[in-house]
């Protein structure tokens, strides 16, 4: 089966969050692209929500989160291909902060740890 091309979705997301110049970094979790933006007010949230391939947009913990679902890794790869590797989080790795099992407990932030204990 051919791999789906997410380059158009990546272009649209980048443009609607305010362009490359508004993005500090990007990581992803199990279902979401997690942008750290310079200015969240520039992002066109309603337009992003209406993109084919986007489930929702949420803002939390200083992140602008674009909910993609199970294709998030492929969309993330397409966005990073457009932005360049310098935008890939602090160390270029991803985090699974949406999970709550003990295996990923060390990857959660302090709020999530105190909330689940």
PDB file of N, CA and C in Angstrom:
ATOM      1  N   UNK A   1       0.841  -1.178   0.000  1.00  0.00           N
ATOM      2  CA  UNK A   1       0.000   0.000   0.000  1.00  0.00           C
ATOM      3  C   UNK A   1       0.889   1.245   0.000  1.00  0.00           C
ATOM      4  N   UNK A   2       0.549   2.205  -0.841  1.00  0.00           N
ATOM      5  CA  UNK A   2       1.333   3.431  -0.961  1.00  0.00           C
ATOM      6  C   UNK A   2       1.150   4.311   0.276  1.00  0.00           C
ATOM      7  N   UNK A   3       2.229   4.952   0.647  1.00  0.00           N
ATOM      8  CA  UNK A   3       2.193   5.857   1.786  1.00  0.00           C
ATOM      9  C   UNK A   3       1.480   7.152   1.383  1.00  0.00           C
ATOM     10  N   UNK A   4       0.565   7.613   2.208  1.00  0.00           N
ATOM     11  CA  UNK A   4      -0.194   8.828   1.915  1.00  0.00           C
ATOM     12  C   UNK A   4       0.725  10.045   2.005  1.00  0.00           C
ATOM     13  N   UNK A   5       0.521  10.982   1.115  1.00  0.00           N
ATOM     14  CA  UNK A   5       1.308  12.208   1.071  1.00  0.00           C
ATOM     15  C   UNK A   5       0.617  13.281   1.927  1.00  0.00           C
ATOM     16  N   UNK A   6       1.296  13.709   2.971  1.00  0.00           N
ATOM     17  CA  UNK A   6       0.748  14.724   3.870  1.00  0.00           C
ATOM     18  C   UNK A   6       1.391  16.089   3.659  1.00  0.00           C
ATOM     19  N   UNK A   7       2.078  16.281   2.538  1.00  0.00           N
ATOM     20  CA  UNK A   7       2.789  17.541   2.330  1.00  0.00           C
ATOM     21  C   UNK A   7       1.840  18.743   2.222  1.00  0.00           C
ATOM     22  N   UNK A   8       0.684  18.581   1.604  1.00  0.00           N
ATOM     23  CA  UNK A   8      -0.269  19.691   1.508  1.00  0.00           C
ATOM     24  C   UNK A   8      -0.825  20.039   2.890  1.00  0.00           C
ATOM     25  N   UNK A   9      -1.171  19.029   3.684  1.00  0.00           N
ATOM     26  CA  UNK A   9      -1.653  19.275   5.043  1.00  0.00           C
ATOM     27  C   UNK A   9      -0.562  19.962   5.856  1.00  0.00           C
ATOM     28  N   UNK A  10       0.680  19.509   5.709  1.00  0.00           N
ATOM     29  CA  UNK A  10       1.799  20.124   6.419  1.00  0.00           C
ATOM     30  C   UNK A  10       1.939  21.597   6.040  1.00  0.00           C
ATOM     31  N   UNK A  11       1.886  21.898   4.740  1.00  0.00           N
ATOM     32  CA  UNK A  11       1.968  23.292   4.281  1.00  0.00           C
ATOM     33  C   UNK A  11       0.855  24.141   4.893  1.00  0.00           C
ATOM     34  N   UNK A  12      -0.368  23.597   4.873  1.00  0.00           N
ATOM     35  CA  UNK A  12      -1.507  24.336   5.414  1.00  0.00           C
ATOM     36  C   UNK A  12      -1.368  24.590   6.903  1.00  0.00           C
ATOM     37  N   UNK A  13      -0.951  23.575   7.656  1.00  0.00           N
ATOM     38  CA  UNK A  13      -0.789  23.745   9.109  1.00  0.00           C
ATOM     39  C   UNK A  13       0.280  24.791   9.398  1.00  0.00           C
ATOM     40  N   UNK A  14       1.423  24.680   8.727  1.00  0.00           N
ATOM     41  CA  UNK A  14       2.515  25.643   8.945  1.00  0.00           C
ATOM     42  C   UNK A  14       2.032  27.061   8.669  1.00  0.00           C
ATOM     43  N   UNK A  15       1.374  27.236   7.539  1.00  0.00           N
ATOM     44  CA  UNK A  15       0.874  28.559   7.172  1.00  0.00           C
ATOM     45  C   UNK A  15      -0.115  29.098   8.201  1.00  0.00           C
ATOM     46  N   UNK A  16      -1.041  28.247   8.635  1.00  0.00           N
ATOM     47  CA  UNK A  16      -2.109  28.698   9.529  1.00  0.00           C
ATOM     48  C   UNK A  16      -1.674  28.894  10.983  1.00  0.00           C
ATOM     49  N   UNK A  17      -0.542  28.308  11.385  1.00  0.00           N
ATOM     50  CA  UNK A  17      -0.044  28.599  12.739  1.00  0.00           C
ATOM     51  C   UNK A  17       0.799  29.878  12.751  1.00  0.00           C
ATOM     52  N   UNK A  18       0.955  30.487  11.589  1.00  0.00           N
ATOM     53  CA  UNK A  18       1.684  31.749  11.523  1.00  0.00           C
ATOM     54  C   UNK A  18       2.982  31.664  10.746  1.00  0.00           C
ATOM     55  N   UNK A  19       3.192  30.547  10.081  1.00  0.00           N
ATOM     56  CA  UNK A  19       4.398  30.382   9.275  1.00  0.00           C
ATOM     57  C   UNK A  19       5.589  29.910  10.091  1.00  0.00           C
ATOM     58  N   UNK A  20       6.605  29.543   9.355  1.00  0.00           N
ATOM     59  CA  UNK A  20       7.837  29.020   9.961  1.00  0.00           C
ATOM     60  C   UNK A  20       8.410  29.989  10.999  1.00  0.00           C
ATOM     61  N   UNK A  21       8.284  31.281  10.717  1.00  0.00           N
ATOM     62  CA  UNK A  21       8.850  32.292  11.611  1.00  0.00           C
ATOM     63  C   UNK A  21       8.123  32.386  12.955  1.00  0.00           C
ATOM     64  N   UNK A  22       6.923  31.804  13.072  1.00  0.00           N
ATOM     65  CA  UNK A  22       6.180  31.829  14.338  1.00  0.00           C
ATOM     66  C   UNK A  22       6.367  30.545  15.147  1.00  0.00           C
ATOM     67  N   UNK A  23       7.086  29.589  14.622  1.00  0.00           N
ATOM     68  CA  UNK A  23       7.263  28.299  15.295  1.00  0.00           C
ATOM     69  C   UNK A  23       8.622  28.249  15.983  1.00  0.00           C
ATOM     70  N   UNK A  24       8.593  28.024  17.305  1.00  0.00           N
ATOM     71  CA  UNK A  24       9.832  27.824  18.058  1.00  0.00           C
ATOM     72  C   UNK A  24      10.313  26.388  17.889  1.00  0.00           C
ATOM     73  N   UNK A  25       9.409  25.429  18.149  1.00  0.00           N
ATOM     74  CA  UNK A  25       9.747  24.017  18.004  1.00  0.00           C
ATOM     75  C   UNK A  25       8.467  23.202  17.910  1.00  0.00           C
ATOM     76  N   UNK A  26       8.653  21.937  17.578  1.00  0.00           N
ATOM     77  CA  UNK A  26       7.530  21.029  17.385  1.00  0.00           C
ATOM     78  C   UNK A  26       7.917  19.648  17.869  1.00  0.00           C
ATOM     79  N   UNK A  27       7.031  19.045  18.641  1.00  0.00           N
ATOM     80  CA  UNK A  27       7.149  17.640  19.031  1.00  0.00           C
ATOM     81  C   UNK A  27       5.807  16.992  18.735  1.00  0.00           C
ATOM     82  N   UNK A  28       5.720  15.718  18.931  1.00  0.00           N
ATOM     83  CA  UNK A  28       4.414  15.080  18.809  1.00  0.00           C
ATOM     84  C   UNK A  28       4.280  14.013  19.870  1.00  0.00           C
ATOM     85  N   UNK A  29       3.048  13.692  20.166  1.00  0.00           N
ATOM     86  CA  UNK A  29       2.752  12.607  21.087  1.00  0.00           C
ATOM     87  C   UNK A  29       1.985  11.567  20.307  1.00  0.00           C
ATOM     88  N   UNK A  30       1.211  10.800  20.959  1.00  0.00           N
ATOM     89  CA  UNK A  30       0.514   9.688  20.327  1.00  0.00           C
ATOM     90  C   UNK A  30      -0.567  10.129  19.337  1.00  0.00           C
ATOM     91  N   UNK A  31      -1.143  11.334  19.518  1.00  0.00           N
ATOM     92  CA  UNK A  31      -2.216  11.796  18.622  1.00  0.00           C
ATOM     93  C   UNK A  31      -2.080  13.247  18.175  1.00  0.00           C
ATOM     94  N   UNK A  32      -1.111  13.987  18.713  1.00  0.00           N
ATOM     95  CA  UNK A  32      -1.086  15.436  18.496  1.00  0.00           C
ATOM     96  C   UNK A  32       0.258  15.966  18.036  1.00  0.00           C
ATOM     97  N   UNK A  33       0.199  16.987  17.210  1.00  0.00           N
ATOM     98  CA  UNK A  33       1.360  17.815  16.928  1.00  0.00           C
ATOM     99  C   UNK A  33       1.378  18.858  18.038  1.00  0.00           C
ATOM    100  N   UNK A  34       2.510  19.014  18.698  1.00  0.00           N
ATOM    101  CA  UNK A  34       2.600  19.952  19.817  1.00  0.00           C
ATOM    102  C   UNK A  34       3.572  21.064  19.455  1.00  0.00           C
ATOM    103  N   UNK A  35       3.007  22.181  19.041  1.00  0.00           N
ATOM    104  CA  UNK A  35       3.802  23.329  18.636  1.00  0.00           C
ATOM    105  C   UNK A  35       4.095  24.216  19.833  1.00  0.00           C
ATOM    106  N   UNK A  36       5.302  24.743  19.869  1.00  0.00           N
ATOM    107  CA  UNK A  36       5.643  25.847  20.753  1.00  0.00           C
ATOM    108  C   UNK A  36       5.747  27.049  19.828  1.00  0.00           C
ATOM    109  N   UNK A  37       4.772  27.970  19.943  1.00  0.00           N
ATOM    110  CA  UNK A  37       4.699  29.118  19.056  1.00  0.00           C
ATOM    111  C   UNK A  37       5.233  30.370  19.743  1.00  0.00           C
ATOM    112  N   UNK A  38       5.743  31.276  18.949  1.00  0.00           N
ATOM    113  CA  UNK A  38       6.192  32.564  19.470  1.00  0.00           C
ATOM    114  C   UNK A  38       4.987  33.417  19.859  1.00  0.00           C
ATOM    115  N   UNK A  39       3.915  33.353  19.047  1.00  0.00           N
ATOM    116  CA  UNK A  39       2.714  34.140  19.307  1.00  0.00           C
ATOM    117  C   UNK A  39       1.489  33.322  18.914  1.00  0.00           C
ATOM    118  N   UNK A  40       0.806  32.734  19.907  1.00  0.00           N
ATOM    119  CA  UNK A  40      -0.379  31.903  19.634  1.00  0.00           C
ATOM    120  C   UNK A  40      -1.517  32.690  19.007  1.00  0.00           C
ATOM    121  N   UNK A  41      -1.571  34.000  19.240  1.00  0.00           N
ATOM    122  CA  UNK A  41      -2.679  34.800  18.719  1.00  0.00           C
ATOM    123  C   UNK A  41      -2.666  34.889  17.191  1.00  0.00           C
ATOM    124  N   UNK A  42      -1.538  34.606  16.577  1.00  0.00           N
ATOM    125  CA  UNK A  42      -1.435  34.637  15.118  1.00  0.00           C
ATOM    126  C   UNK A  42      -2.093  33.411  14.493  1.00  0.00           C
ATOM    127  N   UNK A  43      -2.063  32.295  15.201  1.00  0.00           N
ATOM    128  CA  UNK A  43      -2.600  31.039  14.670  1.00  0.00           C
ATOM    129  C   UNK A  43      -4.088  31.171  14.372  1.00  0.00           C
ATOM    130  N   UNK A  44      -4.500  30.614  13.245  1.00  0.00           N
ATOM    131  CA  UNK A  44      -5.894  30.667  12.799  1.00  0.00           C
ATOM    132  C   UNK A  44      -6.586  29.353  13.171  1.00  0.00           C
ATOM    133  N   UNK A  45      -6.962  29.270  14.432  1.00  0.00           N
ATOM    134  CA  UNK A  45      -7.466  28.043  15.025  1.00  0.00           C
ATOM    135  C   UNK A  45      -8.663  27.455  14.287  1.00  0.00           C
ATOM    136  N   UNK A  46      -9.651  28.253  13.968  1.00  0.00           N
ATOM    137  CA  UNK A  46     -10.845  27.725  13.294  1.00  0.00           C
ATOM    138  C   UNK A  46     -10.504  27.151  11.922  1.00  0.00           C
ATOM    139  N   UNK A  47      -9.615  27.816  11.196  1.00  0.00           N
ATOM    140  CA  UNK A  47      -9.212  27.323   9.886  1.00  0.00           C
ATOM    141  C   UNK A  47      -8.448  26.008   9.993  1.00  0.00           C
ATOM    142  N   UNK A  48      -7.605  25.906  11.017  1.00  0.00           N
ATOM    143  CA  UNK A  48      -6.864  24.657  11.231  1.00  0.00           C
ATOM    144  C   UNK A  48      -7.835  23.529  11.562  1.00  0.00           C
ATOM    145  N   UNK A  49      -8.799  23.794  12.432  1.00  0.00           N
ATOM    146  CA  UNK A  49      -9.803  22.780  12.784  1.00  0.00           C
ATOM    147  C   UNK A  49     -10.551  22.267  11.558  1.00  0.00           C
ATOM    148  N   UNK A  50     -10.737  23.116  10.566  1.00  0.00           N
ATOM    149  CA  UNK A  50     -11.494  22.755   9.367  1.00  0.00           C
ATOM    150  C   UNK A  50     -10.673  22.040   8.302  1.00  0.00           C
ATOM    151  N   UNK A  51      -9.376  21.867   8.523  1.00  0.00           N
ATOM    152  CA  UNK A  51      -8.539  21.161   7.552  1.00  0.00           C
ATOM    153  C   UNK A  51      -8.882  19.678   7.542  1.00  0.00           C
ATOM    154  N   UNK A  52      -8.943  19.095   6.368  1.00  0.00           N
ATOM    155  CA  UNK A  52      -9.133  17.654   6.237  1.00  0.00           C
ATOM    156  C   UNK A  52      -7.899  16.959   6.802  1.00  0.00           C
ATOM    157  N   UNK A  53      -8.077  16.129   7.812  1.00  0.00           N
ATOM    158  CA  UNK A  53      -6.961  15.453   8.474  1.00  0.00           C
ATOM    159  C   UNK A  53      -6.706  15.958   9.884  1.00  0.00           C
ATOM    160  N   UNK A  54      -7.373  17.060  10.259  1.00  0.00           N
ATOM    161  CA  UNK A  54      -7.244  17.610  11.608  1.00  0.00           C
ATOM    162  C   UNK A  54      -8.537  17.327  12.359  1.00  0.00           C
ATOM    163  N   UNK A  55      -8.399  16.788  13.570  1.00  0.00           N
ATOM    164  CA  UNK A  55      -9.557  16.470  14.401  1.00  0.00           C
ATOM    165  C   UNK A  55      -9.966  17.665  15.257  1.00  0.00           C
ATOM    166  N   UNK A  56      -8.985  18.344  15.855  1.00  0.00           N
ATOM    167  CA  UNK A  56      -9.273  19.446  16.763  1.00  0.00           C
ATOM    168  C   UNK A  56      -7.992  20.231  17.002  1.00  0.00           C
ATOM    169  N   UNK A  57      -8.122  21.355  17.694  1.00  0.00           N
ATOM    170  CA  UNK A  57      -6.997  22.163  18.149  1.00  0.00           C
ATOM    171  C   UNK A  57      -7.239  22.477  19.611  1.00  0.00           C
ATOM    172  N   UNK A  58      -6.193  22.328  20.421  1.00  0.00           N
ATOM    173  CA  UNK A  58      -6.287  22.656  21.845  1.00  0.00           C
ATOM    174  C   UNK A  58      -5.038  23.421  22.252  1.00  0.00           C
ATOM    175  N   UNK A  59      -5.179  24.211  23.289  1.00  0.00           N
ATOM    176  CA  UNK A  59      -4.055  24.957  23.845  1.00  0.00           C
ATOM    177  C   UNK A  59      -3.879  24.507  25.279  1.00  0.00           C
ATOM    178  N   UNK A  60      -2.670  24.064  25.619  1.00  0.00           N
ATOM    179  CA  UNK A  60      -2.412  23.587  26.980  1.00  0.00           C
ATOM    180  C   UNK A  60      -0.918  23.613  27.270  1.00  0.00           C
ATOM    181  N   UNK A  61      -0.577  23.975  28.484  1.00  0.00           N
ATOM    182  CA  UNK A  61       0.809  23.936  28.976  1.00  0.00           C
ATOM    183  C   UNK A  61       1.780  24.659  28.059  1.00  0.00           C
ATOM    184  N   UNK A  62       1.357  25.791  27.508  1.00  0.00           N
ATOM    185  CA  UNK A  62       2.228  26.551  26.626  1.00  0.00           C
ATOM    186  C   UNK A  62       2.387  25.948  25.241  1.00  0.00           C
ATOM    187  N   UNK A  63       1.580  24.950  24.942  1.00  0.00           N
ATOM    188  CA  UNK A  63       1.638  24.289  23.644  1.00  0.00           C
ATOM    189  C   UNK A  63       0.378  24.586  22.844  1.00  0.00           C
ATOM    190  N   UNK A  64       0.560  24.682  21.543  1.00  0.00           N
ATOM    191  CA  UNK A  64      -0.545  24.792  20.602  1.00  0.00           C
ATOM    192  C   UNK A  64      -0.660  23.416  19.970  1.00  0.00           C
ATOM    193  N   UNK A  65      -1.687  22.675  20.342  1.00  0.00           N
ATOM    194  CA  UNK A  65      -1.791  21.258  19.990  1.00  0.00           C
ATOM    195  C   UNK A  65      -2.800  21.048  18.856  1.00  0.00           C
ATOM    196  N   UNK A  66      -2.294  20.459  17.769  1.00  0.00           N
ATOM    197  CA  UNK A  66      -3.139  20.125  16.633  1.00  0.00           C
ATOM    198  C   UNK A  66      -3.380  18.621  16.691  1.00  0.00           C
ATOM    199  N   UNK A  67      -4.628  18.240  16.955  1.00  0.00           N
ATOM    200  CA  UNK A  67      -4.981  16.834  17.124  1.00  0.00           C
ATOM    201  C   UNK A  67      -5.171  16.211  15.739  1.00  0.00           C
ATOM    202  N   UNK A  68      -4.353  15.197  15.454  1.00  0.00           N
ATOM    203  CA  UNK A  68      -4.361  14.523  14.156  1.00  0.00           C
ATOM    204  C   UNK A  68      -4.937  13.116  14.262  1.00  0.00           C
ATOM    205  N   UNK A  69      -4.631  12.412  15.326  1.00  0.00           N
ATOM    206  CA  UNK A  69      -5.058  11.021  15.461  1.00  0.00           C
ATOM    207  C   UNK A  69      -3.921  10.078  15.133  1.00  0.00           C
ATOM    208  N   UNK A  70      -4.269   8.889  14.660  1.00  0.00           N
ATOM    209  CA  UNK A  70      -3.249   7.848  14.496  1.00  0.00           C
ATOM    210  C   UNK A  70      -2.267   8.090  13.356  1.00  0.00           C
ATOM    211  N   UNK A  71      -2.476   9.090  12.524  1.00  0.00           N
ATOM    212  CA  UNK A  71      -1.530   9.425  11.454  1.00  0.00           C
ATOM    213  C   UNK A  71      -0.563  10.538  11.857  1.00  0.00           C
ATOM    214  N   UNK A  72      -0.498  10.846  13.151  1.00  0.00           N
ATOM    215  CA  UNK A  72       0.290  11.980  13.613  1.00  0.00           C
ATOM    216  C   UNK A  72       1.769  11.851  13.254  1.00  0.00           C
ATOM    217  N   UNK A  73       2.333  10.674  13.307  1.00  0.00           N
ATOM    218  CA  UNK A  73       3.753  10.517  12.992  1.00  0.00           C
ATOM    219  C   UNK A  73       4.028  10.885  11.533  1.00  0.00           C
ATOM    220  N   UNK A  74       3.181  10.453  10.635  1.00  0.00           N
ATOM    221  CA  UNK A  74       3.361  10.768   9.217  1.00  0.00           C
ATOM    222  C   UNK A  74       3.191  12.269   8.963  1.00  0.00           C
ATOM    223  N   UNK A  75       2.223  12.893   9.626  1.00  0.00           N
ATOM    224  CA  UNK A  75       2.013  14.331   9.463  1.00  0.00           C
ATOM    225  C   UNK A  75       3.184  15.094  10.077  1.00  0.00           C
ATOM    226  N   UNK A  76       3.635  14.663  11.254  1.00  0.00           N
ATOM    227  CA  UNK A  76       4.806  15.273  11.897  1.00  0.00           C
ATOM    228  C   UNK A  76       6.007  15.211  10.961  1.00  0.00           C
ATOM    229  N   UNK A  77       6.262  14.050  10.378  1.00  0.00           N
ATOM    230  CA  UNK A  77       7.396  13.893   9.461  1.00  0.00           C
ATOM    231  C   UNK A  77       7.281  14.851   8.280  1.00  0.00           C
ATOM    232  N   UNK A  78       6.059  15.031   7.761  1.00  0.00           N
ATOM    233  CA  UNK A  78       5.838  15.950   6.643  1.00  0.00           C
ATOM    234  C   UNK A  78       6.086  17.399   7.058  1.00  0.00           C
ATOM    235  N   UNK A  79       5.645  17.769   8.266  1.00  0.00           N
ATOM    236  CA  UNK A  79       5.856  19.132   8.753  1.00  0.00           C
ATOM    237  C   UNK A  79       7.348  19.381   8.980  1.00  0.00           C
ATOM    238  N   UNK A  80       8.033  18.452   9.615  1.00  0.00           N
ATOM    239  CA  UNK A  80       9.470  18.605   9.861  1.00  0.00           C
ATOM    240  C   UNK A  80      10.240  18.656   8.542  1.00  0.00           C
ATOM    241  N   UNK A  81       9.806  17.896   7.544  1.00  0.00           N
ATOM    242  CA  UNK A  81      10.451  17.946   6.228  1.00  0.00           C
ATOM    243  C   UNK A  81      10.359  19.353   5.639  1.00  0.00           C
ATOM    244  N   UNK A  82       9.258  20.040   5.905  1.00  0.00           N
ATOM    245  CA  UNK A  82       9.066  21.411   5.414  1.00  0.00           C
ATOM    246  C   UNK A  82       9.848  22.431   6.252  1.00  0.00           C
ATOM    247  N   UNK A  83       9.882  22.211   7.576  1.00  0.00           N
ATOM    248  CA  UNK A  83      10.512  23.170   8.485  1.00  0.00           C
ATOM    249  C   UNK A  83      12.022  22.986   8.573  1.00  0.00           C
ATOM    250  N   UNK A  84      12.468  21.754   8.565  1.00  0.00           N
ATOM    251  CA  UNK A  84      13.862  21.429   8.819  1.00  0.00           C
ATOM    252  C   UNK A  84      14.015  20.842  10.208  1.00  0.00           C
ATOM    253  N   UNK A  85      15.011  19.999  10.387  1.00  0.00           N
ATOM    254  CA  UNK A  85      15.207  19.268  11.643  1.00  0.00           C
ATOM    255  C   UNK A  85      15.425  20.182  12.844  1.00  0.00           C
ATOM    256  N   UNK A  86      15.851  21.410  12.647  1.00  0.00           N
ATOM    257  CA  UNK A  86      16.093  22.338  13.749  1.00  0.00           C
ATOM    258  C   UNK A  86      14.846  22.685  14.546  1.00  0.00           C
ATOM    259  N   UNK A  87      13.683  22.348  14.036  1.00  0.00           N
ATOM    260  CA  UNK A  87      12.427  22.629  14.728  1.00  0.00           C
ATOM    261  C   UNK A  87      11.931  21.440  15.539  1.00  0.00           C
ATOM    262  N   UNK A  88      12.604  20.317  15.480  1.00  0.00           N
ATOM    263  CA  UNK A  88      12.145  19.082  16.110  1.00  0.00           C
ATOM    264  C   UNK A  88      12.495  19.050  17.588  1.00  0.00           C
ATOM    265  N   UNK A  89      11.692  19.657  18.419  1.00  0.00           N
ATOM    266  CA  UNK A  89      11.850  19.596  19.877  1.00  0.00           C
ATOM    267  C   UNK A  89      13.241  19.947  20.340  1.00  0.00           C
ATOM    268  N   UNK A  90      13.534  19.663  21.581  1.00  0.00           N
ATOM    269  CA  UNK A  90      14.843  19.960  22.146  1.00  0.00           C
ATOM    270  C   UNK A  90      15.915  19.024  21.622  1.00  0.00           C
ATOM    271  N   UNK A  91      15.572  17.758  21.450  1.00  0.00           N
ATOM    272  CA  UNK A  91      16.571  16.784  21.023  1.00  0.00           C
ATOM    273  C   UNK A  91      16.146  15.974  19.809  1.00  0.00           C
ATOM    274  N   UNK A  92      15.069  16.422  19.140  1.00  0.00           N
ATOM    275  CA  UNK A  92      14.601  15.741  17.948  1.00  0.00           C
ATOM    276  C   UNK A  92      13.791  14.494  18.214  1.00  0.00           C
ATOM    277  N   UNK A  93      13.473  14.227  19.469  1.00  0.00           N
ATOM    278  CA  UNK A  93      12.698  13.039  19.805  1.00  0.00           C
ATOM    279  C   UNK A  93      11.262  13.416  20.116  1.00  0.00           C
ATOM    280  N   UNK A  94      10.426  12.418  20.207  1.00  0.00           N
ATOM    281  CA  UNK A  94       9.025  12.643  20.527  1.00  0.00           C
ATOM    282  C   UNK A  94       8.749  12.213  21.954  1.00  0.00           C
ATOM    283  N   UNK A  95       7.600  12.654  22.468  1.00  0.00           N
ATOM    284  CA  UNK A  95       7.186  12.240  23.798  1.00  0.00           C
ATOM    285  C   UNK A  95       5.773  11.699  23.720  1.00  0.00           C
ATOM    286  N   UNK A  96       5.452  10.782  24.597  1.00  0.00           N
ATOM    287  CA  UNK A  96       4.120  10.189  24.635  1.00  0.00           C
ATOM    288  C   UNK A  96       3.385  10.650  25.882  1.00  0.00           C
ATOM    289  N   UNK A  97       3.170  11.932  26.022  1.00  0.00           N
ATOM    290  CA  UNK A  97       2.560  12.454  27.240  1.00  0.00           C
ATOM    291  C   UNK A  97       1.065  12.223  27.311  1.00  0.00           C
ATOM    292  N   UNK A  98       0.448  11.748  26.235  1.00  0.00           N
ATOM    293  CA  UNK A  98      -0.983  11.451  26.278  1.00  0.00           C
ATOM    294  C   UNK A  98      -1.283  10.101  26.916  1.00  0.00           C
ATOM    295  N   UNK A  99      -0.278   9.279  27.135  1.00  0.00           N
ATOM    296  CA  UNK A  99      -0.510   7.958  27.692  1.00  0.00           C
ATOM    297  C   UNK A  99      -0.457   8.027  29.204  1.00  0.00           C
ATOM    298  N   UNK A 100      -1.095   7.054  29.851  1.00  0.00           N
ATOM    299  CA  UNK A 100      -1.132   7.099  31.308  1.00  0.00           C
ATOM    300  C   UNK A 100      -0.640   5.808  31.951  1.00  0.00           C
ATOM    301  N   UNK A 101      -0.058   4.917  31.177  1.00  0.00           N
ATOM    302  CA  UNK A 101       0.407   3.674  31.779  1.00  0.00           C
ATOM    303  C   UNK A 101       1.726   3.893  32.517  1.00  0.00           C
ATOM    304  N   UNK A 102       2.069   2.984  33.384  1.00  0.00           N
ATOM    305  CA  UNK A 102       3.271   3.106  34.198  1.00  0.00           C
ATOM    306  C   UNK A 102       4.540   3.118  33.365  1.00  0.00           C
ATOM    307  N   UNK A 103       4.532   2.466  32.221  1.00  0.00           N
ATOM    308  CA  UNK A 103       5.708   2.413  31.361  1.00  0.00           C
ATOM    309  C   UNK A 103       6.151   3.805  30.932  1.00  0.00           C
ATOM    310  N   UNK A 104       5.214   4.720  30.728  1.00  0.00           N
ATOM    311  CA  UNK A 104       5.527   6.068  30.274  1.00  0.00           C
ATOM    312  C   UNK A 104       5.498   7.095  31.404  1.00  0.00           C
ATOM    313  N   UNK A 105       5.399   6.659  32.631  1.00  0.00           N
ATOM    314  CA  UNK A 105       5.268   7.567  33.760  1.00  0.00           C
ATOM    315  C   UNK A 105       6.417   8.563  33.823  1.00  0.00           C
ATOM    316  N   UNK A 106       7.636   8.144  33.516  1.00  0.00           N
ATOM    317  CA  UNK A 106       8.786   9.029  33.565  1.00  0.00           C
ATOM    318  C   UNK A 106       8.758  10.118  32.508  1.00  0.00           C
ATOM    319  N   UNK A 107       7.910  10.004  31.509  1.00  0.00           N
ATOM    320  CA  UNK A 107       7.830  10.979  30.438  1.00  0.00           C
ATOM    321  C   UNK A 107       6.780  12.047  30.686  1.00  0.00           C
ATOM    322  N   UNK A 108       6.063  11.957  31.793  1.00  0.00           N
ATOM    323  CA  UNK A 108       4.991  12.906  32.062  1.00  0.00           C
ATOM    324  C   UNK A 108       5.499  14.060  32.902  1.00  0.00           C
ATOM    325  N   UNK A 109       4.787  15.185  32.824  1.00  0.00           N
ATOM    326  CA  UNK A 109       5.205  16.348  33.595  1.00  0.00           C
ATOM    327  C   UNK A 109       4.707  16.246  35.038  1.00  0.00           C
ATOM    328  N   UNK A 110       5.125  17.179  35.863  1.00  0.00           N
ATOM    329  CA  UNK A 110       4.802  17.155  37.293  1.00  0.00           C
ATOM    330  C   UNK A 110       3.300  17.182  37.525  1.00  0.00           C
ATOM    331  N   UNK A 111       2.547  17.981  36.779  1.00  0.00           N
ATOM    332  CA  UNK A 111       1.097  18.059  36.940  1.00  0.00           C
ATOM    333  C   UNK A 111       0.463  16.695  36.675  1.00  0.00           C
ATOM    334  N   UNK A 112       0.886  16.027  35.617  1.00  0.00           N
ATOM    335  CA  UNK A 112       0.326  14.721  35.284  1.00  0.00           C
ATOM    336  C   UNK A 112       0.678  13.683  36.340  1.00  0.00           C
ATOM    337  N   UNK A 113       1.886  13.746  36.885  1.00  0.00           N
ATOM    338  CA  UNK A 113       2.305  12.802  37.912  1.00  0.00           C
ATOM    339  C   UNK A 113       1.481  12.972  39.187  1.00  0.00           C
ATOM    340  N   UNK A 114       1.287  14.218  39.635  1.00  0.00           N
ATOM    341  CA  UNK A 114       0.529  14.431  40.870  1.00  0.00           C
ATOM    342  C   UNK A 114      -0.948  14.144  40.671  1.00  0.00           C
ATOM    343  N   UNK A 115      -1.436  14.377  39.465  1.00  0.00           N
ATOM    344  CA  UNK A 115      -2.838  14.125  39.160  1.00  0.00           C
ATOM    345  C   UNK A 115      -3.161  12.627  39.179  1.00  0.00           C
ATOM    346  N   UNK A 116      -2.218  11.788  38.743  1.00  0.00           N
ATOM    347  CA  UNK A 116      -2.502  10.358  38.651  1.00  0.00           C
ATOM    348  C   UNK A 116      -2.103   9.582  39.900  1.00  0.00           C
ATOM    349  N   UNK A 117      -1.403  10.200  40.823  1.00  0.00           N
ATOM    350  CA  UNK A 117      -0.963   9.482  42.044  1.00  0.00           C
ATOM    351  C   UNK A 117      -1.911   9.671  43.189  1.00  0.00           C
TER     352      UNK A 117
END
